[in-house]
PDB file of N, CA and C in Angstrom:
ATOM      1  N   MET A   1     -31.023 -28.891   0.240  1.00  0.00           N
ATOM      2  CA  MET A   1     -31.450 -27.486   0.088  1.00  0.00           C
ATOM      3  C   MET A   1     -30.993 -26.851  -0.899  1.00  0.00           C
ATOM      4  N   THR A   2     -31.607 -27.206  -1.688  1.00  0.00           N
ATOM      5  CA  THR A   2     -30.884 -26.633  -2.895  1.00  0.00           C
ATOM      6  C   THR A   2     -30.625 -24.977  -3.382  1.00  0.00           C
ATOM      7  N   ASP A   3     -30.510 -23.974  -4.103  1.00  0.00           N
ATOM      8  CA  ASP A   3     -30.472 -23.106  -4.265  1.00  0.00           C
ATOM      9  C   ASP A   3     -31.083 -23.072  -5.499  1.00  0.00           C
ATOM     10  N   THR A   4     -32.452 -22.251  -5.115  1.00  0.00           N
ATOM     11  CA  THR A   4     -33.070 -21.279  -6.585  1.00  0.00           C
ATOM     12  C   THR A   4     -32.372 -20.871  -7.122  1.00  0.00           C
ATOM     13  N   PRO A   5     -33.074 -20.171  -8.113  1.00  0.00           N
ATOM     14  CA  PRO A   5     -32.476 -19.489  -9.320  1.00  0.00           C
ATOM     15  C   PRO A   5     -32.081 -18.198  -8.534  1.00  0.00           C
ATOM     16  N   GLU A   6     -33.295 -17.618  -7.955  1.00  0.00           N
ATOM     17  CA  GLU A   6     -33.291 -16.266  -7.578  1.00  0.00           C
ATOM     18  C   GLU A   6     -32.681 -15.772  -6.272  1.00  0.00           C
ATOM     19  N   ARG A   7     -32.028 -17.377  -5.307  1.00  0.00           N
ATOM     20  CA  ARG A   7     -31.415 -17.367  -4.303  1.00  0.00           C
ATOM     21  C   ARG A   7     -29.978 -17.120  -4.651  1.00  0.00           C
ATOM     22  N   ASN A   8     -29.631 -18.055  -5.525  1.00  0.00           N
ATOM     23  CA  ASN A   8     -28.525 -17.654  -6.465  1.00  0.00           C
ATOM     24  C   ASN A   8     -28.279 -16.741  -7.220  1.00  0.00           C
ATOM     25  N   GLU A   9     -28.707 -15.903  -7.824  1.00  0.00           N
ATOM     26  CA  GLU A   9     -28.548 -14.230  -8.744  1.00  0.00           C
ATOM     27  C   GLU A   9     -28.978 -13.370  -7.181  1.00  0.00           C
ATOM     28  N   ALA A  10     -29.483 -14.098  -6.295  1.00  0.00           N
ATOM     29  CA  ALA A  10     -29.421 -12.682  -4.805  1.00  0.00           C
ATOM     30  C   ALA A  10     -27.708 -12.530  -4.645  1.00  0.00           C
ATOM     31  N   ALA A  11     -27.123 -13.823  -4.351  1.00  0.00           N
ATOM     32  CA  ALA A  11     -26.292 -14.231  -3.843  1.00  0.00           C
ATOM     33  C   ALA A  11     -25.147 -14.015  -4.635  1.00  0.00           C
ATOM     34  N   GLN A  12     -25.597 -14.076  -5.862  1.00  0.00           N
ATOM     35  CA  GLN A  12     -24.052 -13.049  -6.770  1.00  0.00           C
ATOM     36  C   GLN A  12     -24.175 -12.011  -7.166  1.00  0.00           C
ATOM     37  N   GLU A  13     -25.171 -10.854  -6.673  1.00  0.00           N
ATOM     38  CA  GLU A  13     -25.696  -9.642  -7.118  1.00  0.00           C
ATOM     39  C   GLU A  13     -24.941  -9.251  -5.714  1.00  0.00           C
ATOM     40  N   ALA A  14     -25.145  -9.891  -4.291  1.00  0.00           N
ATOM     41  CA  ALA A  14     -24.563  -9.230  -3.156  1.00  0.00           C
ATOM     42  C   ALA A  14     -22.966  -9.584  -3.237  1.00  0.00           C
ATOM     43  N   LYS A  15     -22.509 -10.215  -3.919  1.00  0.00           N
ATOM     44  CA  LYS A  15     -20.865 -10.746  -4.196  1.00  0.00           C
ATOM     45  C   LYS A  15     -20.469  -9.772  -5.176  1.00  0.00           C
ATOM     46  N   ARG A  16     -21.511  -9.069  -6.647  1.00  0.00           N
ATOM     47  CA  ARG A  16     -20.733  -8.243  -6.702  1.00  0.00           C
ATOM     48  C   ARG A  16     -20.466  -6.688  -6.063  1.00  0.00           C
ATOM     49  N   ARG A  17     -21.855  -6.559  -5.978  1.00  0.00           N
ATOM     50  CA  ARG A  17     -21.268  -4.944  -5.046  1.00  0.00           C
ATOM     51  C   ARG A  17     -20.414  -5.122  -3.751  1.00  0.00           C
ATOM     52  N   PHE A  18     -20.353  -6.590  -3.081  1.00  0.00           N
ATOM     53  CA  PHE A  18     -19.125  -6.615  -1.962  1.00  0.00           C
ATOM     54  C   PHE A  18     -17.714  -6.077  -2.683  1.00  0.00           C
ATOM     55  N   ARG A  19     -17.813  -6.650  -4.013  1.00  0.00           N
ATOM     56  CA  ARG A  19     -16.189  -6.506  -4.470  1.00  0.00           C
ATOM     57  C   ARG A  19     -16.386  -5.330  -5.157  1.00  0.00           C
ATOM     58  N   GLN A  20     -17.496  -4.042  -5.959  1.00  0.00           N
ATOM     59  CA  GLN A  20     -16.867  -3.115  -5.939  1.00  0.00           C
ATOM     60  C   GLN A  20     -17.391  -2.314  -5.086  1.00  0.00           C
ATOM     61  N   ALA A  21     -17.240  -2.555  -3.543  1.00  0.00           N
ATOM     62  CA  ALA A  21     -17.397  -1.501  -2.328  1.00  0.00           C
ATOM     63  C   ALA A  21     -15.445  -1.611  -1.839  1.00  0.00           C
ATOM     64  N   LEU A  22     -15.325  -2.762  -2.126  1.00  0.00           N
ATOM     65  CA  LEU A  22     -14.076  -3.035  -1.710  1.00  0.00           C
ATOM     66  C   LEU A  22     -13.148  -2.618  -2.575  1.00  0.00           C
ATOM     67  N   GLU A  23     -13.254  -2.888  -4.102  1.00  0.00           N
ATOM     68  CA  GLU A  23     -12.667  -1.778  -4.884  1.00  0.00           C
ATOM     69  C   GLU A  23     -12.461  -0.540  -4.689  1.00  0.00           C
ATOM     70  N   ARG A  24     -13.646   0.608  -4.536  1.00  0.00           N
ATOM     71  CA  ARG A  24     -13.922   1.396  -4.078  1.00  0.00           C
ATOM     72  C   ARG A  24     -13.035   1.845  -2.494  1.00  0.00           C
ATOM     73  N   LYS A  25     -13.110   1.436  -2.222  1.00  0.00           N
ATOM     74  CA  LYS A  25     -12.179   1.132  -0.558  1.00  0.00           C
ATOM     75  C   LYS A  25     -10.733   1.246  -0.834  1.00  0.00           C
ATOM     76  N   GLU A  26     -10.166   0.239  -1.993  1.00  0.00           N
ATOM     77  CA  GLU A  26      -8.888   0.151  -2.162  1.00  0.00           C
ATOM     78  C   GLU A  26      -8.869   1.356  -2.946  1.00  0.00           C
ATOM     79  N   HIS A  27      -9.225   2.209  -3.438  1.00  0.00           N
ATOM     80  CA  HIS A  27      -9.042   3.115  -4.646  1.00  0.00           C
ATOM     81  C   HIS A  27      -8.727   4.207  -3.530  1.00  0.00           C
ATOM     82  N   ASN A  28      -9.953   4.862  -3.186  1.00  0.00           N
ATOM     83  CA  ASN A  28      -9.641   5.356  -2.030  1.00  0.00           C
ATOM     84  C   ASN A  28      -8.370   5.893  -1.011  1.00  0.00           C
ATOM     85  N   ALA A  29      -7.906   5.193  -0.486  1.00  0.00           N
ATOM     86  CA  ALA A  29      -6.796   4.292   0.010  1.00  0.00           C
ATOM     87  C   ALA A  29      -5.357   5.194  -0.437  1.00  0.00           C
ATOM     88  N   LEU A  30      -5.263   4.204  -1.599  1.00  0.00           N
ATOM     89  CA  LEU A  30      -4.276   4.842  -2.608  1.00  0.00           C
ATOM     90  C   LEU A  30      -3.981   5.757  -2.966  1.00  0.00           C
ATOM     91  N   ALA A  31      -5.639   6.809  -3.265  1.00  0.00           N
ATOM     92  CA  ALA A  31      -5.853   8.321  -3.592  1.00  0.00           C
ATOM     93  C   ALA A  31      -5.304   8.967  -2.209  1.00  0.00           C
ATOM     94  N   LYS A  32      -5.379   8.370  -1.332  1.00  0.00           N
ATOM     95  CA  LYS A  32      -5.450   9.430  -0.344  1.00  0.00           C
ATOM     96  C   LYS A  32      -3.859   8.875   0.313  1.00  0.00           C
ATOM     97  N   ALA A  33      -3.104   8.051   0.360  1.00  0.00           N
ATOM     98  CA  ALA A  33      -1.566   7.762   0.404  1.00  0.00           C
ATOM     99  C   ALA A  33      -0.730   8.798  -0.618  1.00  0.00           C
ATOM    100  N   ALA A  34      -1.281   9.045  -2.233  1.00  0.00           N
ATOM    101  CA  ALA A  34      -0.450   9.744  -3.184  1.00  0.00           C
ATOM    102  C   ALA A  34      -1.071  11.120  -2.366  1.00  0.00           C
ATOM    103  N   GLN A  35      -2.232  11.798  -2.096  1.00  0.00           N
ATOM    104  CA  GLN A  35      -2.215  12.675  -1.617  1.00  0.00           C
ATOM    105  C   GLN A  35      -1.402  13.359  -0.333  1.00  0.00           C
ATOM    106  N   GLU A  36      -1.289  12.027   0.625  1.00  0.00           N
ATOM    107  CA  GLU A  36      -0.220  12.408   1.589  1.00  0.00           C
ATOM    108  C   GLU A  36       1.278  12.899   1.150  1.00  0.00           C
ATOM    109  N   GLU A  37       1.857  11.901   0.392  1.00  0.00           N
ATOM    110  CA  GLU A  37       2.924  11.944  -0.336  1.00  0.00           C
ATOM    111  C   GLU A  37       3.539  12.595  -0.592  1.00  0.00           C
ATOM    112  N   SER A  38       2.407  13.617  -1.687  1.00  0.00           N
ATOM    113  CA  SER A  38       2.724  14.930  -2.352  1.00  0.00           C
ATOM    114  C   SER A  38       2.622  15.868  -1.402  1.00  0.00           C
ATOM    115  N   ARG A  39       1.919  15.774  -0.224  1.00  0.00           N
ATOM    116  CA  ARG A  39       1.810  17.274   0.894  1.00  0.00           C
ATOM    117  C   ARG A  39       2.929  17.317   1.457  1.00  0.00           C
ATOM    118  N   VAL A  40       4.100  15.916   1.990  1.00  0.00           N
ATOM    119  CA  VAL A  40       5.250  16.117   2.382  1.00  0.00           C
ATOM    120  C   VAL A  40       5.907  16.065   1.952  1.00  0.00           C
ATOM    121  N   LYS A  41       6.242  15.761   0.374  1.00  0.00           N
ATOM    122  CA  LYS A  41       6.962  16.458  -0.651  1.00  0.00           C
ATOM    123  C   LYS A  41       6.862  18.081  -1.001  1.00  0.00           C
ATOM    124  N   ALA A  42       5.960  18.756  -0.827  1.00  0.00           N
ATOM    125  CA  ALA A  42       5.623  20.024  -0.873  1.00  0.00           C
ATOM    126  C   ALA A  42       6.502  20.534   0.769  1.00  0.00           C
ATOM    127  N   ARG A  43       5.918  19.945   1.465  1.00  0.00           N
ATOM    128  CA  ARG A  43       6.299  20.431   2.712  1.00  0.00           C
ATOM    129  C   ARG A  43       7.958  20.568   2.881  1.00  0.00           C
ATOM    130  N   ASN A  44       8.574  19.945   2.057  1.00  0.00           N
ATOM    131  CA  ASN A  44      10.157  20.119   2.504  1.00  0.00           C
ATOM    132  C   ASN A  44      11.471  21.067   1.124  1.00  0.00           C
ATOM    133  N   ALA A  45      10.104  21.309   0.114  1.00  0.00           N
ATOM    134  CA  ALA A  45      10.995  21.675  -0.724  1.00  0.00           C
ATOM    135  C   ALA A  45      11.412  22.789  -0.374  1.00  0.00           C
ATOM    136  N   GLY A  46      12.913  23.430  -1.070  1.00  0.00           N
ATOM    137  CA  GLY A  46      13.520  24.714  -0.661  1.00  0.00           C
ATOM    138  C   GLY A  46      14.768  23.825  -1.164  1.00  0.00           C
ATOM    139  N   PRO A  47      15.315  24.925  -0.999  1.00  0.00           N
ATOM    140  CA  PRO A  47      17.252  24.426  -1.518  1.00  0.00           C
ATOM    141  C   PRO A  47      17.682  23.002  -0.498  1.00  0.00           C
ATOM    142  N   ALA A  48      18.295  22.442  -1.472  1.00  0.00           N
ATOM    143  CA  ALA A  48      18.767  21.082  -0.930  1.00  0.00           C
ATOM    144  C   ALA A  48      17.742  20.471   0.025  1.00  0.00           C
ATOM    145  N   GLY A  49      16.923  20.364   0.148  1.00  0.00           N
ATOM    146  CA  GLY A  49      15.514  20.186   0.737  1.00  0.00           C
ATOM    147  C   GLY A  49      15.867  20.485   2.649  1.00  0.00           C
ATOM    148  N   ARG A  50      16.628  21.473   2.657  1.00  0.00           N
ATOM    149  CA  ARG A  50      16.655  22.298   3.927  1.00  0.00           C
ATOM    150  C   ARG A  50      15.432  22.929   4.162  1.00  0.00           C
ATOM    151  N   ARG A  51      15.237  23.281   5.371  1.00  0.00           N
ATOM    152  CA  ARG A  51      14.298  24.190   5.874  1.00  0.00           C
ATOM    153  C   ARG A  51      14.430  25.302   6.192  1.00  0.00           C
ATOM    154  N   THR A  52      14.057  27.000   5.396  1.00  0.00           N
ATOM    155  CA  THR A  52      15.192  27.921   5.862  1.00  0.00           C
ATOM    156  C   THR A  52      14.533  28.171   7.007  1.00  0.00           C
ATOM    157  N   PHE A  53      15.205  29.376   7.836  1.00  0.00           N
ATOM    158  CA  PHE A  53      14.547  30.097   8.866  1.00  0.00           C
ATOM    159  C   PHE A  53      14.785  31.409   9.352  1.00  0.00           C
ATOM    160  N   HIS A  54      14.755  32.332   9.574  1.00  0.00           N
ATOM    161  CA  HIS A  54      14.595  33.680   9.776  1.00  0.00           C
ATOM    162  C   HIS A  54      14.406  33.585  11.438  1.00  0.00           C
ATOM    163  N   ARG A  55      15.431  34.618  11.408  1.00  0.00           N
ATOM    164  CA  ARG A  55      16.218  35.217  12.683  1.00  0.00           C
ATOM    165  C   ARG A  55      15.689  36.299  12.913  1.00  0.00           C
ATOM    166  N   ARG A  56      14.855  36.848  13.864  1.00  0.00           N
ATOM    167  CA  ARG A  56      14.982  37.873  14.205  1.00  0.00           C
ATOM    168  C   ARG A  56      16.253  39.129  14.512  1.00  0.00           C
ATOM    169  N   LYS A  57      16.166  40.133  14.211  1.00  0.00           N
ATOM    170  CA  LYS A  57      17.540  41.274  14.046  1.00  0.00           C
ATOM    171  C   LYS A  57      16.971  42.221  15.969  1.00  0.00           C
ATOM    172  N   THR A  58      17.991  41.924  16.893  1.00  0.00           N
ATOM    173  CA  THR A  58      18.284  42.200  17.763  1.00  0.00           C
ATOM    174  C   THR A  58      19.205  43.759  17.747  1.00  0.00           C
ATOM    175  N   GLY A  59      18.602  44.166  19.022  1.00  0.00           N
ATOM    176  CA  GLY A  59      19.666  45.924  18.747  1.00  0.00           C
ATOM    177  C   GLY A  59      19.561  46.931  18.187  1.00  0.00           C
TER     178      GLY A  59
END
């Protein structure tokens, strides 16, 4: 059972498309991780990284 040139080209095309999809998936994962990291940094912003809190006046 030898591969015909058409079969070989189809297999190569499928491999190429699979690699591209995998690269897109990795790129999206890295972008999502970077976005989550930047969101965490912004949340902890403030003097010395401490959260500020406000007290309600009573009386």
